[in-house]
Structure formats: C-alpha cells, structure tokens
C-alpha cells in the first residue's frame, strides 16, 4: 500500500492513473456491456394504410371494392451471426403502395448502435456472414426499436425494395451483423 501511495505521489503515477481511468471510461462508453443484460420489447401491429375519401369504386358485380390489405412480397427466417438471433422478416406492401420491413418474434441481444438494414448481400452462415452487408448496396431503415418483439420499419419511397435480397440487424459501431435473413419471394 505504501508503494501505491508513493507512485501516486509522483507526476508519472498520477498521469498513469488518469490514463487508466480515461481508458476504462471510454471502453465502457464504446462497448456498453450492460446492454447485453437489458432487453427492450416492442410489439407493433402491422400498419394499415388509411383509405382516402372518394367515390367508391365498384367491382364488376356492382359491389363496392374493399382494400386488399397488406401483402407480403418476400419473407425469410433470421439466422445468427455475432449474437444469437431468431425471428421472421417480411417485406410488406401496404394498400397505399408504400413498403415496410416487418420483424416478427425477433429475439436478439441488445447492443450499441443497432440498425435494420435492407441489403443486396447474400446471407452466409457463421463468421463468413458477419461482415458482408456493408460491402454492397444497403439502406438503413433506422435504429432497432427493440431487441425483442414485432416491429415495422418504413422503406423510403425512393427505394425500390425489389433490388434488395436480405435484411440485417447491423451493429454500426462495430461493423458486424447480429443476424440476417434472406428474403425469398412470397
């Protein structure tokens, strides 16, 4: 103990202590390890487009037409990459022509700076698939709302979703996929 007091009494010892404390603080901020034990569950219903008022269109039989409802264009099952990840991904076209990516029954680890990406990269199993999603074209649909549950992510209107073949839960801070799904056409 006397040796520690002697070191801390010197300018070099104080400098070393400050570097250790700063490094520990930065490491905690950067890695945010406590998020591995914090779950956030989000349960959203599939959005439905609001019909605009106007004259009722008639079916050939003369009955008024009704909206067809949301239509699943593509779907796939999430596989694990950096962290254990499961659930279903769907690309859905709403009645108004807009698109959403829907995550259903998502279960993954929480982490810093997680995003939902629509990508053109192939989904590969194991470590080979961890880093491929930023190699090609991708669109970030926003921050992951929760690491558990069912949630929706709007696809921007200027994005053609048919050009993309997969969805990744992407950790932007460490450039790694937590999990991904290949979108098979429905």
N, C-alpha and C. Protein backbone atom coordinates (compact mmCIF):
# COMPACT_ATOMS: atom_id res chain seq x y z
N UNK A 1 0.82 -1.19 0.00
CA UNK A 1 0.00 0.00 0.00
C UNK A 1 0.87 1.25 0.00
N UNK A 2 1.96 1.20 0.73
CA UNK A 2 2.88 2.34 0.77
C UNK A 2 3.46 2.58 -0.61
N UNK A 3 3.71 1.51 -1.34
CA UNK A 3 4.27 1.62 -2.69
C UNK A 3 3.28 2.35 -3.62
N UNK A 4 1.97 2.04 -3.49
CA UNK A 4 0.94 2.69 -4.31
C UNK A 4 0.89 4.18 -3.99
N UNK A 5 0.92 4.53 -2.71
CA UNK A 5 0.92 5.95 -2.32
C UNK A 5 2.14 6.67 -2.87
N UNK A 6 3.26 5.97 -2.84
CA UNK A 6 4.50 6.58 -3.35
C UNK A 6 4.38 6.85 -4.85
N UNK A 7 3.81 5.87 -5.61
CA UNK A 7 3.64 6.05 -7.06
C UNK A 7 2.66 7.16 -7.37
N UNK A 8 1.55 7.21 -6.61
CA UNK A 8 0.53 8.23 -6.86
C UNK A 8 1.01 9.61 -6.46
N UNK A 9 2.00 9.68 -5.62
CA UNK A 9 2.56 10.97 -5.22
C UNK A 9 3.44 11.57 -6.30
N UNK A 10 3.79 10.81 -7.26
CA UNK A 10 4.65 11.28 -8.35
C UNK A 10 3.80 11.69 -9.55
N UNK A 11 4.27 12.67 -10.32
CA UNK A 11 3.52 13.09 -11.52
C UNK A 11 3.29 11.95 -12.50
N UNK A 12 4.27 11.06 -12.69
CA UNK A 12 4.10 9.95 -13.62
C UNK A 12 2.98 9.02 -13.13
N UNK A 13 2.93 8.74 -11.85
CA UNK A 13 1.90 7.88 -11.29
C UNK A 13 0.51 8.47 -11.47
N UNK A 14 0.37 9.78 -11.28
CA UNK A 14 -0.92 10.44 -11.47
C UNK A 14 -1.32 10.39 -12.95
N UNK A 15 -0.36 10.59 -13.82
CA UNK A 15 -0.64 10.52 -15.26
C UNK A 15 -1.10 9.14 -15.68
N UNK A 16 -0.44 8.10 -15.16
CA UNK A 16 -0.83 6.72 -15.47
C UNK A 16 -2.25 6.45 -14.95
N UNK A 17 -2.53 6.89 -13.74
CA UNK A 17 -3.87 6.70 -13.17
C UNK A 17 -4.93 7.39 -14.02
N UNK A 18 -4.67 8.60 -14.47
CA UNK A 18 -5.62 9.32 -15.31
C UNK A 18 -5.85 8.61 -16.64
N UNK A 19 -4.79 8.07 -17.23
CA UNK A 19 -4.93 7.33 -18.49
C UNK A 19 -5.76 6.07 -18.27
N UNK A 20 -5.53 5.36 -17.18
CA UNK A 20 -6.30 4.14 -16.89
C UNK A 20 -7.78 4.47 -16.71
N UNK A 21 -8.08 5.51 -15.94
CA UNK A 21 -9.48 5.90 -15.71
C UNK A 21 -10.14 6.35 -17.01
N UNK A 22 -9.44 7.15 -17.81
CA UNK A 22 -10.00 7.61 -19.09
C UNK A 22 -10.24 6.44 -20.04
N UNK A 23 -9.29 5.52 -20.10
CA UNK A 23 -9.43 4.34 -20.97
C UNK A 23 -10.61 3.48 -20.53
N UNK A 24 -10.74 3.28 -19.24
CA UNK A 24 -11.88 2.50 -18.73
C UNK A 24 -13.20 3.19 -19.05
N UNK A 25 -13.27 4.49 -18.87
CA UNK A 25 -14.50 5.24 -19.19
C UNK A 25 -14.84 5.16 -20.67
N UNK A 26 -13.85 5.34 -21.53
CA UNK A 26 -14.07 5.24 -22.97
C UNK A 26 -14.52 3.83 -23.35
N UNK A 27 -13.87 2.81 -22.77
CA UNK A 27 -14.23 1.42 -23.06
C UNK A 27 -15.67 1.12 -22.68
N UNK A 28 -16.08 1.61 -21.52
CA UNK A 28 -17.47 1.40 -21.10
C UNK A 28 -18.44 2.10 -22.03
N UNK A 29 -18.12 3.34 -22.42
CA UNK A 29 -18.99 4.07 -23.36
C UNK A 29 -19.05 3.35 -24.70
N UNK A 30 -17.92 2.94 -25.23
CA UNK A 30 -17.84 2.36 -26.57
C UNK A 30 -18.53 1.00 -26.64
N UNK A 31 -18.27 0.11 -25.69
CA UNK A 31 -18.79 -1.25 -25.74
C UNK A 31 -20.17 -1.39 -25.10
N UNK A 32 -20.51 -0.55 -24.15
CA UNK A 32 -21.80 -0.59 -23.45
C UNK A 32 -22.19 -2.02 -23.07
N UNK A 33 -21.34 -2.68 -22.28
CA UNK A 33 -21.60 -4.10 -21.97
C UNK A 33 -22.89 -4.35 -21.20
N UNK A 34 -23.39 -3.37 -20.48
CA UNK A 34 -24.63 -3.56 -19.72
C UNK A 34 -25.82 -3.83 -20.63
N UNK A 35 -25.74 -3.43 -21.90
CA UNK A 35 -26.87 -3.67 -22.81
C UNK A 35 -27.11 -5.15 -23.07
N UNK A 36 -26.08 -5.98 -22.88
CA UNK A 36 -26.25 -7.42 -23.07
C UNK A 36 -27.25 -8.01 -22.08
N UNK A 37 -27.49 -7.32 -20.97
CA UNK A 37 -28.42 -7.81 -19.96
C UNK A 37 -29.70 -6.99 -19.91
N UNK A 38 -29.85 -6.04 -20.81
CA UNK A 38 -31.06 -5.21 -20.85
C UNK A 38 -31.85 -5.55 -22.11
N UNK A 39 -33.07 -5.99 -21.93
CA UNK A 39 -33.93 -6.29 -23.07
C UNK A 39 -34.95 -5.18 -23.24
N UNK A 40 -35.26 -4.87 -24.49
CA UNK A 40 -36.32 -3.92 -24.79
C UNK A 40 -37.28 -4.61 -25.76
N UNK A 41 -38.51 -4.81 -25.31
CA UNK A 41 -39.52 -5.47 -26.13
C UNK A 41 -40.43 -4.42 -26.77
N UNK A 42 -40.63 -4.54 -28.07
CA UNK A 42 -41.52 -3.65 -28.82
C UNK A 42 -42.51 -4.53 -29.57
N UNK A 43 -43.80 -4.27 -29.36
CA UNK A 43 -44.86 -5.01 -30.04
C UNK A 43 -45.70 -4.03 -30.85
N UNK A 44 -45.48 -3.99 -32.15
CA UNK A 44 -46.24 -3.12 -33.05
C UNK A 44 -47.12 -3.97 -33.95
N UNK A 45 -48.30 -3.46 -34.23
CA UNK A 45 -49.18 -4.10 -35.21
C UNK A 45 -48.70 -3.73 -36.61
N UNK A 46 -49.02 -4.55 -37.57
CA UNK A 46 -48.71 -4.23 -38.96
C UNK A 46 -49.51 -3.00 -39.35
N UNK A 47 -48.86 -1.98 -39.90
CA UNK A 47 -49.62 -0.77 -40.25
C UNK A 47 -50.58 -1.04 -41.40
N UNK A 48 -51.67 -0.30 -41.39
CA UNK A 48 -52.61 -0.37 -42.50
C UNK A 48 -52.72 1.04 -43.06
N UNK A 49 -52.75 1.14 -44.35
CA UNK A 49 -52.87 2.45 -44.99
C UNK A 49 -54.27 2.98 -44.80
N UNK A 50 -54.38 4.26 -44.56
CA UNK A 50 -55.70 4.88 -44.41
C UNK A 50 -56.26 5.16 -45.80
N UNK A 51 -57.47 4.73 -46.02
CA UNK A 51 -58.11 4.98 -47.31
C UNK A 51 -58.46 6.46 -47.40
N UNK A 52 -58.22 7.04 -48.56
CA UNK A 52 -58.58 8.44 -48.76
C UNK A 52 -60.03 8.51 -49.20
N UNK A 53 -60.79 9.47 -48.67
CA UNK A 53 -62.20 9.56 -49.06
C UNK A 53 -62.34 9.86 -50.55
N UNK A 54 -63.29 9.24 -51.15
CA UNK A 54 -63.52 9.46 -52.58
C UNK A 54 -64.66 8.59 -53.03
N UNK A 55 -64.98 8.68 -54.30
CA UNK A 55 -66.08 7.84 -54.78
C UNK A 55 -65.72 6.37 -54.67
N UNK A 56 -66.70 5.59 -54.28
CA UNK A 56 -66.48 4.15 -54.15
C UNK A 56 -66.32 3.53 -55.52
N UNK A 57 -65.26 2.73 -55.64
CA UNK A 57 -65.08 2.01 -56.90
C UNK A 57 -65.92 0.75 -56.83
N UNK A 58 -66.44 0.37 -57.91
CA UNK A 58 -67.32 -0.80 -57.93
C UNK A 58 -66.62 -1.98 -58.57
N UNK A 59 -66.88 -3.15 -58.03
CA UNK A 59 -66.42 -4.40 -58.63
C UNK A 59 -67.32 -4.67 -59.83
N UNK A 60 -66.90 -5.56 -60.71
CA UNK A 60 -67.77 -5.88 -61.85
C UNK A 60 -69.15 -6.33 -61.43
N UNK A 61 -69.28 -6.90 -60.24
CA UNK A 61 -70.59 -7.36 -59.78
C UNK A 61 -71.45 -6.20 -59.29
N UNK A 62 -70.85 -5.00 -59.19
CA UNK A 62 -71.59 -3.85 -58.72
C UNK A 62 -71.37 -3.56 -57.25
N UNK A 63 -70.75 -4.50 -56.52
CA UNK A 63 -70.49 -4.28 -55.10
C UNK A 63 -69.27 -3.37 -54.94
N UNK A 64 -69.27 -2.52 -53.91
CA UNK A 64 -68.09 -1.67 -53.70
C UNK A 64 -66.87 -2.53 -53.40
N UNK A 65 -65.71 -2.06 -53.89
CA UNK A 65 -64.48 -2.81 -53.66
C UNK A 65 -63.94 -2.50 -52.27
N UNK A 66 -63.21 -3.43 -51.73
CA UNK A 66 -62.57 -3.21 -50.43
C UNK A 66 -61.06 -3.34 -50.62
N UNK A 67 -60.29 -2.65 -49.79
CA UNK A 67 -58.84 -2.75 -49.93
C UNK A 67 -58.39 -4.19 -49.75
N UNK A 68 -57.36 -4.56 -50.49
CA UNK A 68 -56.85 -5.92 -50.45
C UNK A 68 -56.09 -6.19 -49.16
N UNK A 69 -55.66 -5.15 -48.47
CA UNK A 69 -54.89 -5.33 -47.25
C UNK A 69 -53.41 -5.45 -47.55
N UNK A 70 -52.60 -5.41 -46.51
CA UNK A 70 -51.16 -5.55 -46.70
C UNK A 70 -50.82 -6.88 -47.37
N UNK A 71 -49.80 -6.85 -48.23
CA UNK A 71 -49.42 -8.06 -48.97
C UNK A 71 -47.95 -8.35 -48.76
N UNK A 72 -47.62 -9.55 -48.30
CA UNK A 72 -46.23 -9.95 -48.11
C UNK A 72 -45.63 -10.28 -49.46
N UNK A 73 -44.57 -9.55 -49.82
CA UNK A 73 -43.89 -9.76 -51.10
C UNK A 73 -42.72 -10.74 -50.97
N UNK A 74 -42.06 -10.73 -49.80
CA UNK A 74 -40.91 -11.60 -49.57
C UNK A 74 -40.79 -11.84 -48.07
N UNK A 75 -40.17 -12.97 -47.72
CA UNK A 75 -40.02 -13.29 -46.30
C UNK A 75 -38.82 -14.20 -46.11
N UNK A 76 -38.34 -14.26 -44.87
CA UNK A 76 -37.22 -15.14 -44.53
C UNK A 76 -37.06 -15.26 -43.04
N UNK A 77 -36.30 -16.26 -42.63
CA UNK A 77 -36.02 -16.51 -41.21
C UNK A 77 -34.64 -15.96 -40.87
N UNK A 78 -34.57 -15.26 -39.74
CA UNK A 78 -33.29 -14.72 -39.27
C UNK A 78 -32.37 -15.85 -38.83
N UNK A 79 -31.09 -15.73 -39.19
CA UNK A 79 -30.06 -16.64 -38.69
C UNK A 79 -29.09 -15.83 -37.82
N UNK A 80 -28.40 -16.51 -36.94
CA UNK A 80 -27.48 -15.86 -36.02
C UNK A 80 -26.14 -15.57 -36.70
N UNK A 81 -25.59 -14.43 -36.35
CA UNK A 81 -24.22 -14.08 -36.73
C UNK A 81 -23.43 -13.82 -35.46
N UNK A 82 -23.11 -12.57 -35.17
CA UNK A 82 -22.32 -12.23 -33.98
C UNK A 82 -23.03 -12.62 -32.69
N UNK A 83 -24.35 -12.51 -32.65
CA UNK A 83 -25.14 -12.86 -31.46
C UNK A 83 -26.30 -13.76 -31.88
N UNK A 84 -26.76 -14.59 -30.95
CA UNK A 84 -27.90 -15.47 -31.22
C UNK A 84 -29.10 -14.60 -31.60
N UNK A 85 -29.66 -14.89 -32.78
CA UNK A 85 -30.76 -14.08 -33.32
C UNK A 85 -31.77 -15.01 -33.98
N UNK A 86 -33.06 -14.75 -33.72
CA UNK A 86 -34.11 -15.54 -34.37
C UNK A 86 -35.32 -14.65 -34.62
N UNK A 87 -36.20 -15.13 -35.48
CA UNK A 87 -37.41 -14.41 -35.83
C UNK A 87 -37.65 -14.47 -37.32
N UNK A 88 -38.69 -13.79 -37.76
CA UNK A 88 -39.08 -13.76 -39.16
C UNK A 88 -39.01 -12.33 -39.68
N UNK A 89 -38.57 -12.18 -40.92
CA UNK A 89 -38.53 -10.88 -41.59
C UNK A 89 -39.48 -10.94 -42.78
N UNK A 90 -40.29 -9.89 -42.94
CA UNK A 90 -41.20 -9.82 -44.09
C UNK A 90 -41.07 -8.46 -44.76
N UNK A 91 -41.09 -8.46 -46.07
CA UNK A 91 -41.21 -7.24 -46.85
C UNK A 91 -42.68 -7.15 -47.25
N UNK A 92 -43.34 -6.09 -46.79
CA UNK A 92 -44.79 -5.98 -46.94
C UNK A 92 -45.14 -4.73 -47.74
N UNK A 93 -46.03 -4.88 -48.73
CA UNK A 93 -46.57 -3.72 -49.45
C UNK A 93 -47.93 -3.39 -48.85
N UNK A 94 -48.08 -2.14 -48.45
CA UNK A 94 -49.34 -1.67 -47.88
C UNK A 94 -50.28 -1.25 -48.99
N UNK A 95 -51.54 -1.05 -48.65
CA UNK A 95 -52.56 -0.67 -49.63
C UNK A 95 -52.21 0.59 -50.39
N UNK A 96 -51.53 1.53 -49.76
CA UNK A 96 -51.19 2.79 -50.43
C UNK A 96 -49.96 2.69 -51.31
N UNK A 97 -49.38 1.48 -51.44
CA UNK A 97 -48.21 1.28 -52.29
C UNK A 97 -46.88 1.43 -51.56
N UNK A 98 -46.91 1.90 -50.33
CA UNK A 98 -45.66 2.01 -49.56
C UNK A 98 -45.25 0.62 -49.06
N UNK A 99 -44.00 0.52 -48.62
CA UNK A 99 -43.46 -0.76 -48.17
C UNK A 99 -42.91 -0.63 -46.75
N UNK A 100 -42.99 -1.72 -46.01
CA UNK A 100 -42.36 -1.81 -44.70
C UNK A 100 -41.62 -3.13 -44.60
N UNK A 101 -40.53 -3.12 -43.82
CA UNK A 101 -39.88 -4.35 -43.41
C UNK A 101 -40.42 -4.64 -42.02
N UNK A 102 -40.96 -5.82 -41.86
CA UNK A 102 -41.55 -6.22 -40.57
C UNK A 102 -40.71 -7.32 -39.95
N UNK A 103 -40.30 -7.10 -38.71
CA UNK A 103 -39.63 -8.12 -37.92
C UNK A 103 -40.67 -8.72 -36.99
N UNK A 104 -40.83 -10.03 -37.04
CA UNK A 104 -41.80 -10.70 -36.18
C UNK A 104 -41.09 -11.68 -35.26
N UNK A 105 -41.50 -11.66 -33.98
CA UNK A 105 -40.94 -12.56 -32.97
C UNK A 105 -39.41 -12.45 -32.91
N UNK A 106 -38.90 -11.24 -33.07
CA UNK A 106 -37.46 -11.00 -33.01
C UNK A 106 -36.94 -11.33 -31.62
N UNK A 107 -35.81 -12.00 -31.57
CA UNK A 107 -35.12 -12.27 -30.31
C UNK A 107 -33.62 -12.22 -30.60
N UNK A 108 -32.97 -11.15 -30.14
CA UNK A 108 -31.53 -11.00 -30.31
C UNK A 108 -30.98 -10.29 -29.09
N UNK A 109 -29.67 -10.15 -29.04
CA UNK A 109 -29.05 -9.40 -27.95
C UNK A 109 -29.21 -7.92 -28.21
N UNK A 110 -29.23 -7.15 -27.15
CA UNK A 110 -29.20 -5.71 -27.27
C UNK A 110 -27.75 -5.31 -27.50
N UNK A 111 -27.52 -4.15 -28.03
CA UNK A 111 -26.16 -3.70 -28.25
C UNK A 111 -26.14 -2.24 -28.64
N UNK A 112 -24.95 -1.69 -28.76
CA UNK A 112 -24.84 -0.28 -29.12
C UNK A 112 -25.06 -0.06 -30.62
N UNK A 113 -25.83 0.95 -30.95
CA UNK A 113 -25.99 1.42 -32.32
C UNK A 113 -26.47 0.34 -33.30
N UNK A 114 -27.52 -0.40 -32.91
CA UNK A 114 -28.08 -1.43 -33.79
C UNK A 114 -29.04 -0.79 -34.79
N UNK A 115 -28.94 -1.22 -36.04
CA UNK A 115 -29.75 -0.71 -37.15
C UNK A 115 -30.41 -1.87 -37.88
N UNK A 116 -31.46 -1.54 -38.63
CA UNK A 116 -32.10 -2.50 -39.53
C UNK A 116 -31.71 -2.08 -40.94
N UNK A 117 -31.03 -2.99 -41.64
CA UNK A 117 -30.57 -2.70 -42.99
C UNK A 117 -31.27 -3.60 -44.00
N UNK A 118 -31.70 -3.00 -45.10
CA UNK A 118 -32.17 -3.71 -46.28
C UNK A 118 -30.96 -3.74 -47.22
N UNK A 119 -30.52 -4.95 -47.64
CA UNK A 119 -29.26 -5.05 -48.38
C UNK A 119 -29.39 -5.94 -49.62
N UNK A 120 -28.34 -5.86 -50.45
CA UNK A 120 -28.28 -6.75 -51.61
C UNK A 120 -27.27 -7.87 -51.40
N UNK A 121 -26.75 -8.02 -50.19
CA UNK A 121 -25.72 -9.02 -49.89
C UNK A 121 -26.35 -10.40 -49.66
N UNK A 122 -25.61 -11.44 -50.03
CA UNK A 122 -26.10 -12.79 -49.73
C UNK A 122 -25.97 -13.06 -48.23
N UNK A 123 -26.87 -13.85 -47.70
CA UNK A 123 -26.81 -14.24 -46.29
C UNK A 123 -25.96 -15.49 -46.18
N UNK A 124 -24.89 -15.39 -45.42
CA UNK A 124 -23.98 -16.52 -45.22
C UNK A 124 -24.01 -16.94 -43.76
N UNK A 125 -23.93 -18.23 -43.52
CA UNK A 125 -23.92 -18.76 -42.15
C UNK A 125 -22.57 -18.52 -41.50
N UNK A 126 -22.56 -18.46 -40.18
CA UNK A 126 -21.32 -18.37 -39.41
C UNK A 126 -20.57 -17.07 -39.59
N UNK A 127 -19.28 -17.09 -39.23
CA UNK A 127 -18.46 -15.89 -39.27
C UNK A 127 -18.30 -15.32 -40.68
N UNK A 128 -18.46 -16.15 -41.70
CA UNK A 128 -18.36 -15.67 -43.08
C UNK A 128 -19.43 -14.63 -43.39
N UNK A 129 -20.54 -14.64 -42.64
CA UNK A 129 -21.63 -13.71 -42.90
C UNK A 129 -21.63 -12.47 -42.02
N UNK A 130 -20.69 -12.37 -41.11
CA UNK A 130 -20.70 -11.27 -40.14
C UNK A 130 -20.47 -9.90 -40.76
N UNK A 131 -19.65 -9.82 -41.79
CA UNK A 131 -19.18 -8.51 -42.27
C UNK A 131 -19.54 -8.22 -43.72
N UNK A 132 -20.42 -8.98 -44.35
CA UNK A 132 -20.67 -8.82 -45.79
C UNK A 132 -21.68 -7.73 -46.14
N UNK A 133 -22.48 -7.29 -45.20
CA UNK A 133 -23.62 -6.45 -45.54
C UNK A 133 -23.28 -5.02 -45.90
N UNK A 134 -22.11 -4.54 -45.53
CA UNK A 134 -21.71 -3.19 -45.93
C UNK A 134 -20.80 -3.22 -47.15
N UNK A 135 -20.63 -4.39 -47.77
CA UNK A 135 -19.80 -4.50 -48.97
C UNK A 135 -20.53 -4.03 -50.23
N UNK A 136 -21.82 -4.17 -50.26
CA UNK A 136 -22.60 -3.82 -51.44
C UNK A 136 -23.52 -2.66 -51.16
N UNK A 137 -24.69 -2.72 -51.75
CA UNK A 137 -25.69 -1.66 -51.57
C UNK A 137 -26.57 -2.00 -50.38
N UNK A 138 -26.85 -0.99 -49.57
CA UNK A 138 -27.74 -1.18 -48.42
C UNK A 138 -28.46 0.12 -48.12
N UNK A 139 -29.58 -0.01 -47.44
CA UNK A 139 -30.36 1.14 -46.99
C UNK A 139 -30.64 0.94 -45.51
N UNK A 140 -30.25 1.91 -44.68
CA UNK A 140 -30.56 1.84 -43.27
C UNK A 140 -32.00 2.29 -43.08
N UNK A 141 -32.80 1.44 -42.44
CA UNK A 141 -34.21 1.76 -42.20
C UNK A 141 -34.41 2.38 -40.82
N UNK A 142 -33.33 2.55 -40.09
CA UNK A 142 -33.40 3.21 -38.78
C UNK A 142 -32.84 2.35 -37.68
N UNK A 143 -32.83 2.93 -36.49
CA UNK A 143 -32.34 2.22 -35.31
C UNK A 143 -33.30 1.10 -34.95
N UNK A 144 -32.75 0.00 -34.46
CA UNK A 144 -33.57 -1.10 -33.98
C UNK A 144 -34.38 -0.60 -32.79
N UNK A 145 -35.70 -0.75 -32.86
CA UNK A 145 -36.58 -0.22 -31.81
C UNK A 145 -36.50 -1.03 -30.53
N UNK A 146 -36.29 -2.31 -30.66
CA UNK A 146 -36.20 -3.20 -29.51
C UNK A 146 -35.56 -4.50 -29.93
N UNK A 147 -34.89 -5.17 -29.01
CA UNK A 147 -34.22 -6.42 -29.39
C UNK A 147 -35.15 -7.63 -29.27
N UNK A 148 -36.38 -7.39 -28.87
CA UNK A 148 -37.38 -8.46 -28.80
C UNK A 148 -38.72 -7.92 -29.30
N UNK A 149 -39.53 -8.81 -29.88
CA UNK A 149 -40.88 -8.43 -30.27
C UNK A 149 -41.08 -8.35 -31.76
N UNK A 150 -42.14 -7.63 -32.15
CA UNK A 150 -42.52 -7.46 -33.56
C UNK A 150 -42.59 -5.97 -33.85
N UNK A 151 -41.96 -5.55 -34.92
CA UNK A 151 -41.85 -4.13 -35.22
C UNK A 151 -41.75 -3.87 -36.71
N UNK A 152 -42.04 -2.64 -37.11
CA UNK A 152 -42.10 -2.25 -38.52
C UNK A 152 -41.10 -1.15 -38.82
N UNK A 153 -40.52 -1.20 -40.02
CA UNK A 153 -39.57 -0.20 -40.47
C UNK A 153 -39.96 0.23 -41.88
N UNK A 154 -40.28 1.50 -42.04
CA UNK A 154 -40.72 2.03 -43.34
C UNK A 154 -39.56 2.03 -44.33
N UNK A 155 -39.85 1.59 -45.53
CA UNK A 155 -38.88 1.67 -46.62
C UNK A 155 -39.10 3.02 -47.30
N UNK A 156 -38.05 3.83 -47.45
CA UNK A 156 -38.24 5.14 -48.09
C UNK A 156 -38.88 5.01 -49.47
N UNK A 157 -39.73 5.97 -49.82
CA UNK A 157 -40.47 5.91 -51.09
C UNK A 157 -39.56 5.89 -52.31
N UNK A 158 -38.36 6.46 -52.21
CA UNK A 158 -37.46 6.50 -53.37
C UNK A 158 -36.60 5.23 -53.49
N UNK A 159 -36.85 4.23 -52.66
CA UNK A 159 -36.09 2.97 -52.68
C UNK A 159 -36.95 1.89 -53.33
N UNK A 160 -36.37 1.20 -54.32
CA UNK A 160 -37.05 0.08 -54.96
C UNK A 160 -36.71 -1.19 -54.17
N UNK A 161 -37.63 -1.69 -53.35
CA UNK A 161 -37.30 -2.84 -52.50
C UNK A 161 -36.99 -4.12 -53.28
N UNK A 162 -37.40 -4.20 -54.53
CA UNK A 162 -37.13 -5.42 -55.31
C UNK A 162 -35.63 -5.56 -55.64
N UNK A 163 -34.86 -4.50 -55.44
CA UNK A 163 -33.41 -4.56 -55.71
C UNK A 163 -32.63 -5.17 -54.55
N UNK A 164 -33.30 -5.44 -53.43
CA UNK A 164 -32.62 -5.92 -52.24
C UNK A 164 -33.06 -7.35 -51.91
N UNK A 165 -32.12 -8.14 -51.38
CA UNK A 165 -32.37 -9.56 -51.19
C UNK A 165 -32.26 -10.03 -49.74
N UNK A 166 -31.90 -9.13 -48.83
CA UNK A 166 -31.73 -9.57 -47.45
C UNK A 166 -31.94 -8.41 -46.48
N UNK A 167 -32.09 -8.77 -45.21
CA UNK A 167 -32.22 -7.81 -44.12
C UNK A 167 -31.22 -8.21 -43.05
N UNK A 168 -30.51 -7.23 -42.50
CA UNK A 168 -29.54 -7.49 -41.44
C UNK A 168 -29.85 -6.62 -40.23
N UNK A 169 -29.68 -7.20 -39.03
CA UNK A 169 -29.64 -6.44 -37.79
C UNK A 169 -28.16 -6.08 -37.64
N UNK A 170 -27.83 -4.84 -37.94
CA UNK A 170 -26.44 -4.41 -38.10
C UNK A 170 -25.98 -3.55 -36.93
N UNK A 171 -24.83 -3.88 -36.37
CA UNK A 171 -24.22 -3.05 -35.33
C UNK A 171 -23.30 -2.07 -36.05
N UNK A 172 -23.74 -0.83 -36.16
CA UNK A 172 -23.00 0.18 -36.90
C UNK A 172 -21.69 0.55 -36.19
N UNK A 173 -21.67 0.44 -34.90
CA UNK A 173 -20.47 0.81 -34.15
C UNK A 173 -19.32 -0.14 -34.44
N UNK A 174 -19.59 -1.44 -34.56
CA UNK A 174 -18.53 -2.43 -34.76
C UNK A 174 -18.56 -3.07 -36.15
N UNK A 175 -19.41 -2.56 -37.04
CA UNK A 175 -19.50 -3.08 -38.42
C UNK A 175 -19.65 -4.60 -38.46
N UNK A 176 -20.67 -5.09 -37.77
CA UNK A 176 -20.91 -6.52 -37.72
C UNK A 176 -22.41 -6.79 -37.68
N UNK A 177 -22.81 -7.89 -38.31
CA UNK A 177 -24.21 -8.31 -38.30
C UNK A 177 -24.49 -9.15 -37.06
N UNK A 178 -25.56 -8.80 -36.33
CA UNK A 178 -26.00 -9.64 -35.22
C UNK A 178 -26.77 -10.84 -35.77
N UNK A 179 -27.49 -10.63 -36.86
CA UNK A 179 -28.26 -11.68 -37.50
C UNK A 179 -28.84 -11.16 -38.81
N UNK A 180 -29.22 -12.07 -39.70
CA UNK A 180 -29.73 -11.65 -41.00
C UNK A 180 -30.70 -12.68 -41.56
N UNK A 181 -31.49 -12.23 -42.53
CA UNK A 181 -32.45 -13.12 -43.21
C UNK A 181 -32.40 -12.87 -44.70
N UNK A 182 -32.41 -13.93 -45.47
CA UNK A 182 -32.54 -13.82 -46.91
C UNK A 182 -34.02 -13.69 -47.22
N UNK A 183 -34.35 -12.77 -48.13
CA UNK A 183 -35.75 -12.54 -48.49
C UNK A 183 -36.12 -13.39 -49.69
N UNK A 184 -36.86 -14.46 -49.45
CA UNK A 184 -37.37 -15.29 -50.52
C UNK A 184 -38.71 -14.74 -50.98
N UNK A 185 -38.91 -14.63 -52.26
CA UNK A 185 -40.16 -14.06 -52.78
C UNK A 185 -41.34 -14.92 -52.39
N UNK A 186 -42.41 -14.25 -51.92
CA UNK A 186 -43.61 -14.96 -51.46
C UNK A 186 -44.51 -15.30 -52.61
